[in-house]
C-alpha atoms as a PDB file:
ATOM      1  CA  MET A   1       8.684  15.990  -5.197  1.00  0.00           C
ATOM      2  CA  ALA A   2       5.038  16.653  -6.049  1.00  0.00           C
ATOM      3  CA  SER A   3       2.497  14.019  -5.144  1.00  0.00           C
ATOM      4  CA  SER A   4      -0.927  13.020  -6.412  1.00  0.00           C
ATOM      5  CA  GLN A   5      -3.857  11.525  -4.582  1.00  0.00           C
ATOM      6  CA  PHE A   6      -6.261   8.885  -5.848  1.00  0.00           C
ATOM      7  CA  SER A   7      -8.686   6.323  -4.468  1.00  0.00           C
ATOM      8  CA  ILE A   8      -9.022   2.621  -5.129  1.00  0.00           C
ATOM      9  CA  ARG A   9     -11.357  -0.072  -3.903  1.00  0.00           C
ATOM     10  CA  ILE A  10      -9.827  -3.243  -2.512  1.00  0.00           C
ATOM     11  CA  SER A  11     -11.405  -6.337  -1.034  1.00  0.00           C
ATOM     12  CA  SER A  12     -11.912  -6.581   2.713  1.00  0.00           C
ATOM     13  CA  GLU A  13      -9.448  -9.474   2.746  1.00  0.00           C
ATOM     14  CA  LEU A  14      -6.727  -7.435   1.044  1.00  0.00           C
ATOM     15  CA  ASP A  15      -7.441  -4.479   3.331  1.00  0.00           C
ATOM     16  CA  GLU A  16      -6.916  -6.697   6.383  1.00  0.00           C
ATOM     17  CA  LYS A  17      -3.616  -7.979   4.980  1.00  0.00           C
ATOM     18  CA  VAL A  18      -2.429  -4.408   4.386  1.00  0.00           C
ATOM     19  CA  LYS A  19      -3.470  -3.342   7.909  1.00  0.00           C
ATOM     20  CA  GLU A  20      -1.691  -6.329   9.461  1.00  0.00           C
ATOM     21  CA  TYR A  21       1.470  -5.720   7.442  1.00  0.00           C
ATOM     22  CA  ALA A  22       1.472  -2.022   8.352  1.00  0.00           C
ATOM     23  CA  ALA A  23       1.019  -2.764  12.052  1.00  0.00           C
ATOM     24  CA  VAL A  24       3.764  -5.391  12.172  1.00  0.00           C
ATOM     25  CA  ASN A  25       6.175  -3.124  10.292  1.00  0.00           C
ATOM     26  CA  HIS A  26       5.277   0.085  12.170  1.00  0.00           C
ATOM     27  CA  THR A  27       4.217   1.959   9.060  1.00  0.00           C
ATOM     28  CA  THR A  28       1.055   3.260   7.421  1.00  0.00           C
ATOM     29  CA  LYS A  29      -1.344   1.638   5.001  1.00  0.00           C
ATOM     30  CA  SER A  30      -0.470   4.363   2.513  1.00  0.00           C
ATOM     31  CA  ARG A  31       3.250   3.572   2.720  1.00  0.00           C
ATOM     32  CA  VAL A  32       2.544  -0.151   2.244  1.00  0.00           C
ATOM     33  CA  MET A  33       0.469   0.560  -0.859  1.00  0.00           C
ATOM     34  CA  ILE A  34       3.017   3.017  -2.294  1.00  0.00           C
ATOM     35  CA  ASP A  35       5.880   0.587  -1.753  1.00  0.00           C
ATOM     36  CA  ALA A  36       3.901  -2.330  -3.192  1.00  0.00           C
ATOM     37  CA  LEU A  37       2.922  -0.358  -6.290  1.00  0.00           C
ATOM     38  CA  ALA A  38       6.472   0.879  -6.836  1.00  0.00           C
ATOM     39  CA  TYR A  39       7.853  -2.641  -6.428  1.00  0.00           C
ATOM     40  CA  TYR A  40       5.308  -4.000  -8.915  1.00  0.00           C
ATOM     41  CA  LEU A  41       6.011  -1.319 -11.510  1.00  0.00           C
ATOM     42  CA  TYR A  42       9.804  -1.300 -11.253  1.00  0.00           C
ATOM     43  CA  ASN A  43      10.387  -5.044 -10.958  1.00  0.00           C
ATOM     44  CA  LYS A  44       8.320  -6.416 -13.827  1.00  0.00           C
END
């Protein structure tokens, strides 16, 4: 599957939450963001 790259700006508070979640769940910030975006888009 092809992938695309893009950048976003998020608040420092949200960045900390993502970092914490990634650390606790032994994953990357990128994976957290991808999963969160997919969940948002497919579960509306």
